[in-house]
């Protein structure tokens, strides 16, 4: 839920708020509509047990969607995709696929951070 701090200080865009609203609504509707099935899928795919209330997961999804939308709008696509890969990889790392997604996400964030630093440090 703290991912918007990556883009703090930037003017919020309408498209980012729209993405956040859609993501939060979909997650909340899914959790409230098919709670036990959704919690099983959350555990298998992301390593999340579904312990917290549904609105908290919806808020977290909205925050991440907002951050990724702002990053894309700013042209920081490497950071946006890297963040997305980290999130899709989950916290459990139960399979080589999940581990691969997390490693690829970290690598992309590192590359994106390096290119951002080079752009801001270059003269002119």
N, C-alpha and C. Protein backbone atom coordinates (compact mmCIF):
# COMPACT_ATOMS: atom_id res chain seq x y z
N UNK A 1 0.81 -1.19 0.00
CA UNK A 1 0.00 0.00 0.00
C UNK A 1 0.86 1.26 0.00
N UNK A 2 2.13 1.11 0.17
CA UNK A 2 3.02 2.26 0.16
C UNK A 2 3.65 2.52 -1.20
N UNK A 3 3.27 1.76 -2.20
CA UNK A 3 3.87 1.93 -3.52
C UNK A 3 3.66 3.33 -4.11
N UNK A 4 2.58 4.06 -3.82
CA UNK A 4 2.48 5.42 -4.37
C UNK A 4 3.60 6.35 -3.92
N UNK A 5 4.34 5.98 -2.89
CA UNK A 5 5.48 6.80 -2.48
C UNK A 5 6.57 6.81 -3.55
N UNK A 6 6.58 5.81 -4.43
CA UNK A 6 7.54 5.79 -5.54
C UNK A 6 7.30 6.95 -6.50
N UNK A 7 6.09 7.44 -6.55
CA UNK A 7 5.75 8.51 -7.48
C UNK A 7 5.22 9.74 -6.77
N UNK A 8 5.50 9.87 -5.48
CA UNK A 8 5.01 11.03 -4.74
C UNK A 8 5.64 12.30 -5.28
N UNK A 9 4.89 13.35 -5.21
CA UNK A 9 5.38 14.62 -5.73
C UNK A 9 5.02 14.85 -7.18
N UNK A 10 4.47 13.84 -7.84
CA UNK A 10 4.06 14.00 -9.22
C UNK A 10 2.57 14.28 -9.28
N UNK A 11 2.18 15.03 -10.28
CA UNK A 11 0.77 15.38 -10.42
C UNK A 11 -0.03 14.12 -10.76
N UNK A 12 -1.05 13.81 -9.96
CA UNK A 12 -1.88 12.63 -10.25
C UNK A 12 -2.62 12.79 -11.58
N UNK A 13 -2.69 11.73 -12.31
CA UNK A 13 -3.37 11.75 -13.59
C UNK A 13 -4.72 11.06 -13.47
N UNK A 14 -5.63 11.47 -14.32
CA UNK A 14 -6.96 10.87 -14.31
C UNK A 14 -6.90 9.39 -14.64
N UNK A 15 -6.04 9.02 -15.58
CA UNK A 15 -5.93 7.61 -15.97
C UNK A 15 -5.43 6.75 -14.82
N UNK A 16 -4.54 7.31 -13.99
CA UNK A 16 -4.03 6.57 -12.84
C UNK A 16 -5.12 6.35 -11.81
N UNK A 17 -5.94 7.36 -11.58
CA UNK A 17 -7.05 7.20 -10.64
C UNK A 17 -8.07 6.20 -11.18
N UNK A 18 -8.29 6.22 -12.48
CA UNK A 18 -9.21 5.26 -13.10
C UNK A 18 -8.69 3.84 -12.92
N UNK A 19 -7.40 3.63 -13.20
CA UNK A 19 -6.80 2.30 -13.04
C UNK A 19 -6.91 1.83 -11.59
N UNK A 20 -6.68 2.74 -10.66
CA UNK A 20 -6.78 2.38 -9.25
C UNK A 20 -8.21 2.00 -8.88
N UNK A 21 -9.16 2.74 -9.37
CA UNK A 21 -10.56 2.45 -9.08
C UNK A 21 -11.01 1.11 -9.64
N UNK A 22 -10.60 0.83 -10.88
CA UNK A 22 -10.96 -0.45 -11.51
C UNK A 22 -10.32 -1.61 -10.77
N UNK A 23 -9.02 -1.51 -10.49
CA UNK A 23 -8.32 -2.60 -9.80
C UNK A 23 -8.91 -2.85 -8.41
N UNK A 24 -9.14 -1.78 -7.66
CA UNK A 24 -9.71 -1.93 -6.33
C UNK A 24 -11.11 -2.53 -6.36
N UNK A 25 -11.91 -2.08 -7.31
CA UNK A 25 -13.29 -2.60 -7.43
C UNK A 25 -13.31 -4.07 -7.81
N UNK A 26 -12.45 -4.45 -8.75
CA UNK A 26 -12.40 -5.85 -9.18
C UNK A 26 -11.96 -6.76 -8.03
N UNK A 27 -10.92 -6.34 -7.31
CA UNK A 27 -10.44 -7.15 -6.20
C UNK A 27 -11.50 -7.26 -5.10
N UNK A 28 -12.13 -6.15 -4.78
CA UNK A 28 -13.15 -6.19 -3.73
C UNK A 28 -14.34 -7.05 -4.15
N UNK A 29 -14.79 -6.91 -5.38
CA UNK A 29 -15.92 -7.72 -5.86
C UNK A 29 -15.57 -9.20 -5.88
N UNK A 30 -14.34 -9.51 -6.26
CA UNK A 30 -13.91 -10.91 -6.31
C UNK A 30 -13.84 -11.51 -4.91
N UNK A 31 -13.28 -10.77 -3.98
CA UNK A 31 -13.17 -11.29 -2.61
C UNK A 31 -14.54 -11.43 -1.96
N UNK A 32 -15.40 -10.45 -2.15
CA UNK A 32 -16.72 -10.52 -1.53
C UNK A 32 -17.63 -11.52 -2.23
N UNK A 33 -17.46 -11.68 -3.54
CA UNK A 33 -18.32 -12.58 -4.30
C UNK A 33 -17.97 -14.05 -4.17
N UNK A 34 -16.69 -14.35 -4.17
CA UNK A 34 -16.25 -15.75 -4.10
C UNK A 34 -15.11 -15.84 -3.09
N UNK A 35 -15.42 -15.53 -1.86
CA UNK A 35 -14.41 -15.40 -0.82
C UNK A 35 -13.48 -16.58 -0.65
N UNK A 36 -14.01 -17.78 -0.44
CA UNK A 36 -13.14 -18.91 -0.15
C UNK A 36 -12.32 -19.30 -1.37
N UNK A 37 -12.91 -19.28 -2.54
CA UNK A 37 -12.16 -19.61 -3.76
C UNK A 37 -11.08 -18.58 -4.01
N UNK A 38 -11.42 -17.32 -3.83
CA UNK A 38 -10.44 -16.25 -4.04
C UNK A 38 -9.29 -16.37 -3.06
N UNK A 39 -9.58 -16.70 -1.82
CA UNK A 39 -8.51 -16.83 -0.83
C UNK A 39 -7.59 -18.00 -1.14
N UNK A 40 -8.15 -19.08 -1.67
CA UNK A 40 -7.31 -20.21 -2.08
C UNK A 40 -6.41 -19.81 -3.23
N UNK A 41 -6.96 -19.10 -4.21
CA UNK A 41 -6.15 -18.65 -5.34
C UNK A 41 -5.10 -17.63 -4.92
N UNK A 42 -5.44 -16.77 -3.97
CA UNK A 42 -4.46 -15.81 -3.45
C UNK A 42 -3.29 -16.55 -2.79
N UNK A 43 -3.61 -17.61 -2.06
CA UNK A 43 -2.57 -18.37 -1.39
C UNK A 43 -1.69 -19.09 -2.40
N UNK A 44 -2.29 -19.73 -3.38
CA UNK A 44 -1.51 -20.47 -4.37
C UNK A 44 -0.66 -19.55 -5.25
N UNK A 45 -1.21 -18.42 -5.66
CA UNK A 45 -0.53 -17.58 -6.64
C UNK A 45 0.38 -16.52 -6.02
N UNK A 46 -0.01 -15.98 -4.89
CA UNK A 46 0.75 -14.87 -4.33
C UNK A 46 1.33 -15.14 -2.95
N UNK A 47 0.95 -16.24 -2.34
CA UNK A 47 1.41 -16.54 -0.99
C UNK A 47 0.68 -15.75 0.07
N UNK A 48 -0.47 -15.18 -0.26
CA UNK A 48 -1.25 -14.41 0.69
C UNK A 48 -2.35 -15.28 1.28
N UNK A 49 -2.47 -15.29 2.58
CA UNK A 49 -3.42 -16.19 3.23
C UNK A 49 -4.85 -15.68 3.21
N UNK A 50 -5.06 -14.42 2.92
CA UNK A 50 -6.40 -13.87 2.93
C UNK A 50 -6.91 -13.58 4.33
N UNK A 51 -6.00 -13.40 5.25
CA UNK A 51 -6.34 -13.17 6.65
C UNK A 51 -7.00 -11.80 6.87
N UNK A 52 -6.55 -10.80 6.15
CA UNK A 52 -7.05 -9.44 6.35
C UNK A 52 -8.40 -9.25 5.67
N UNK A 53 -9.14 -8.21 6.04
CA UNK A 53 -10.44 -7.96 5.41
C UNK A 53 -10.29 -7.61 3.93
N UNK A 54 -11.30 -7.95 3.16
CA UNK A 54 -11.28 -7.71 1.72
C UNK A 54 -10.98 -6.28 1.30
N UNK A 55 -11.56 -5.27 1.97
CA UNK A 55 -11.26 -3.90 1.57
C UNK A 55 -9.78 -3.53 1.67
N UNK A 56 -9.05 -4.16 2.56
CA UNK A 56 -7.62 -3.88 2.68
C UNK A 56 -6.86 -4.37 1.44
N UNK A 57 -7.22 -5.56 0.95
CA UNK A 57 -6.61 -6.07 -0.28
C UNK A 57 -7.01 -5.21 -1.47
N UNK A 58 -8.25 -4.73 -1.48
CA UNK A 58 -8.70 -3.86 -2.57
C UNK A 58 -7.93 -2.54 -2.56
N UNK A 59 -7.70 -2.01 -1.37
CA UNK A 59 -6.93 -0.77 -1.26
C UNK A 59 -5.49 -0.98 -1.73
N UNK A 60 -4.91 -2.11 -1.36
CA UNK A 60 -3.54 -2.41 -1.80
C UNK A 60 -3.48 -2.55 -3.32
N UNK A 61 -4.44 -3.23 -3.91
CA UNK A 61 -4.47 -3.38 -5.37
C UNK A 61 -4.64 -2.03 -6.05
N UNK A 62 -5.48 -1.18 -5.49
CA UNK A 62 -5.67 0.16 -6.04
C UNK A 62 -4.39 0.98 -5.96
N UNK A 63 -3.68 0.88 -4.86
CA UNK A 63 -2.43 1.63 -4.69
C UNK A 63 -1.38 1.19 -5.71
N UNK A 64 -1.28 -0.11 -5.91
CA UNK A 64 -0.30 -0.62 -6.87
C UNK A 64 -0.69 -0.24 -8.30
N UNK A 65 -1.97 -0.35 -8.62
CA UNK A 65 -2.43 0.02 -9.97
C UNK A 65 -2.18 1.50 -10.23
N UNK A 66 -2.42 2.33 -9.23
CA UNK A 66 -2.15 3.76 -9.36
C UNK A 66 -0.67 4.01 -9.63
N UNK A 67 0.19 3.36 -8.86
CA UNK A 67 1.63 3.56 -9.01
C UNK A 67 2.10 3.13 -10.39
N UNK A 68 1.66 1.96 -10.84
CA UNK A 68 2.09 1.46 -12.15
C UNK A 68 1.57 2.36 -13.26
N UNK A 69 0.35 2.86 -13.14
CA UNK A 69 -0.19 3.76 -14.17
C UNK A 69 0.59 5.06 -14.23
N UNK A 70 0.95 5.62 -13.08
CA UNK A 70 1.74 6.86 -13.07
C UNK A 70 3.13 6.61 -13.65
N UNK A 71 3.74 5.50 -13.30
CA UNK A 71 5.07 5.18 -13.83
C UNK A 71 5.04 5.06 -15.35
N UNK A 72 4.02 4.39 -15.88
CA UNK A 72 3.90 4.28 -17.33
C UNK A 72 3.70 5.65 -17.97
N UNK A 73 2.86 6.49 -17.36
CA UNK A 73 2.59 7.81 -17.91
C UNK A 73 3.84 8.69 -17.90
N UNK A 74 4.71 8.48 -16.93
CA UNK A 74 5.95 9.25 -16.84
C UNK A 74 7.04 8.71 -17.76
N UNK A 75 6.78 7.57 -18.40
CA UNK A 75 7.78 6.97 -19.27
C UNK A 75 8.76 6.07 -18.54
N UNK A 76 8.48 5.75 -17.30
CA UNK A 76 9.37 4.88 -16.51
C UNK A 76 8.83 3.44 -16.61
N UNK A 77 8.83 2.94 -17.83
CA UNK A 77 8.24 1.64 -18.10
C UNK A 77 9.01 0.49 -17.45
N UNK A 78 10.31 0.58 -17.39
CA UNK A 78 11.11 -0.47 -16.76
C UNK A 78 10.78 -0.62 -15.29
N UNK A 79 10.62 0.50 -14.61
CA UNK A 79 10.26 0.45 -13.19
C UNK A 79 8.85 -0.10 -13.02
N UNK A 80 7.93 0.29 -13.89
CA UNK A 80 6.55 -0.18 -13.81
C UNK A 80 6.46 -1.69 -14.02
N UNK A 81 7.14 -2.17 -15.05
CA UNK A 81 7.11 -3.61 -15.33
C UNK A 81 7.83 -4.39 -14.23
N UNK A 82 8.95 -3.86 -13.75
CA UNK A 82 9.68 -4.52 -12.66
C UNK A 82 8.83 -4.64 -11.41
N UNK A 83 8.11 -3.58 -11.07
CA UNK A 83 7.21 -3.63 -9.91
C UNK A 83 6.10 -4.65 -10.14
N UNK A 84 5.56 -4.67 -11.34
CA UNK A 84 4.52 -5.65 -11.66
C UNK A 84 5.02 -7.08 -11.54
N UNK A 85 6.22 -7.35 -12.03
CA UNK A 85 6.78 -8.69 -11.92
C UNK A 85 7.00 -9.10 -10.47
N UNK A 86 7.47 -8.17 -9.66
CA UNK A 86 7.64 -8.47 -8.23
C UNK A 86 6.32 -8.85 -7.58
N UNK A 87 5.29 -8.12 -7.91
CA UNK A 87 3.99 -8.40 -7.30
C UNK A 87 3.39 -9.71 -7.78
N UNK A 88 3.53 -9.99 -9.06
CA UNK A 88 3.00 -11.24 -9.59
C UNK A 88 3.78 -12.43 -9.05
N UNK A 89 5.06 -12.24 -8.75
CA UNK A 89 5.86 -13.31 -8.18
C UNK A 89 5.40 -13.72 -6.79
N UNK A 90 4.78 -12.81 -6.07
CA UNK A 90 4.24 -13.13 -4.75
C UNK A 90 5.31 -13.13 -3.68
N UNK A 91 4.88 -13.53 -2.48
CA UNK A 91 5.81 -13.52 -1.35
C UNK A 91 6.25 -14.91 -0.94
N UNK A 92 5.60 -15.93 -1.50
CA UNK A 92 5.89 -17.29 -1.08
C UNK A 92 7.11 -17.90 -1.76
N UNK A 93 7.29 -17.60 -3.03
CA UNK A 93 8.38 -18.19 -3.83
C UNK A 93 8.38 -19.71 -3.71
N UNK A 94 7.21 -20.31 -3.89
CA UNK A 94 7.06 -21.75 -3.76
C UNK A 94 7.47 -22.50 -5.00
N UNK A 95 7.56 -21.83 -6.12
CA UNK A 95 7.93 -22.51 -7.36
C UNK A 95 9.04 -21.74 -8.06
N UNK A 96 9.69 -22.42 -8.99
CA UNK A 96 10.74 -21.76 -9.75
C UNK A 96 10.17 -20.65 -10.62
N UNK A 97 8.91 -20.79 -11.04
CA UNK A 97 8.27 -19.75 -11.84
C UNK A 97 8.14 -18.47 -11.02
N UNK A 98 7.64 -18.58 -9.79
CA UNK A 98 7.51 -17.40 -8.94
C UNK A 98 8.87 -16.79 -8.64
N UNK A 99 9.84 -17.64 -8.36
CA UNK A 99 11.18 -17.14 -8.08
C UNK A 99 11.75 -16.42 -9.30
N UNK A 100 11.52 -16.97 -10.48
CA UNK A 100 11.98 -16.34 -11.72
C UNK A 100 11.35 -14.98 -11.93
N UNK A 101 10.06 -14.86 -11.64
CA UNK A 101 9.38 -13.57 -11.78
C UNK A 101 9.98 -12.53 -10.83
N UNK A 102 10.25 -12.93 -9.60
CA UNK A 102 10.82 -12.00 -8.62
C UNK A 102 12.24 -11.60 -9.03
N UNK A 103 13.03 -12.55 -9.47
CA UNK A 103 14.41 -12.23 -9.90
C UNK A 103 14.37 -11.30 -11.11
N UNK A 104 13.50 -11.60 -12.08
CA UNK A 104 13.38 -10.73 -13.25
C UNK A 104 12.90 -9.34 -12.85
N UNK A 105 11.97 -9.27 -11.90
CA UNK A 105 11.48 -7.97 -11.43
C UNK A 105 12.58 -7.15 -10.78
N UNK A 106 13.37 -7.79 -9.92
CA UNK A 106 14.49 -7.08 -9.28
C UNK A 106 15.52 -6.64 -10.32
N UNK A 107 15.81 -7.50 -11.29
CA UNK A 107 16.78 -7.14 -12.33
C UNK A 107 16.29 -5.95 -13.15
N UNK A 108 15.01 -5.97 -13.48
CA UNK A 108 14.45 -4.86 -14.26
C UNK A 108 14.43 -3.57 -13.44
N UNK A 109 14.11 -3.67 -12.16
CA UNK A 109 14.16 -2.47 -11.31
C UNK A 109 15.57 -1.93 -11.20
N UNK A 110 16.55 -2.81 -11.13
CA UNK A 110 17.94 -2.37 -11.07
C UNK A 110 18.34 -1.68 -12.37
N UNK A 111 18.00 -2.28 -13.48
CA UNK A 111 18.32 -1.67 -14.77
C UNK A 111 17.60 -0.34 -14.96
N UNK A 112 16.34 -0.30 -14.57
CA UNK A 112 15.57 0.93 -14.70
C UNK A 112 16.13 2.01 -13.79
N UNK A 113 16.53 1.65 -12.58
CA UNK A 113 17.12 2.61 -11.65
C UNK A 113 18.43 3.16 -12.17
N UNK A 114 19.22 2.29 -12.80
CA UNK A 114 20.48 2.73 -13.37
C UNK A 114 20.26 3.70 -14.51
N UNK A 115 19.31 3.39 -15.39
CA UNK A 115 19.07 4.26 -16.53
C UNK A 115 18.46 5.59 -16.07
N UNK A 116 17.61 5.57 -15.03
CA UNK A 116 17.07 6.81 -14.49
C UNK A 116 18.18 7.67 -13.90
N UNK A 117 19.12 7.03 -13.18
CA UNK A 117 20.22 7.77 -12.58
C UNK A 117 21.13 8.36 -13.65
N UNK A 118 21.35 7.63 -14.74
CA UNK A 118 22.18 8.14 -15.82
C UNK A 118 21.53 9.33 -16.50
N UNK A 119 20.24 9.29 -16.65
CA UNK A 119 19.51 10.38 -17.29
C UNK A 119 19.57 11.63 -16.43
N UNK A 120 19.37 11.48 -15.12
CA UNK A 120 19.37 12.66 -14.25
C UNK A 120 20.78 13.19 -14.00
N UNK A 121 21.80 12.34 -14.13
CA UNK A 121 23.18 12.78 -13.86
C UNK A 121 23.86 13.33 -15.12
N UNK A 122 23.28 13.10 -16.28
CA UNK A 122 23.94 13.55 -17.51
C UNK A 122 23.83 15.06 -17.64
N UNK A 123 24.93 15.69 -18.12
CA UNK A 123 24.90 17.15 -18.26
C UNK A 123 24.01 17.57 -19.43
N UNK A 124 23.36 18.69 -19.25
CA UNK A 124 22.57 19.28 -20.34
C UNK A 124 21.23 18.79 -20.34
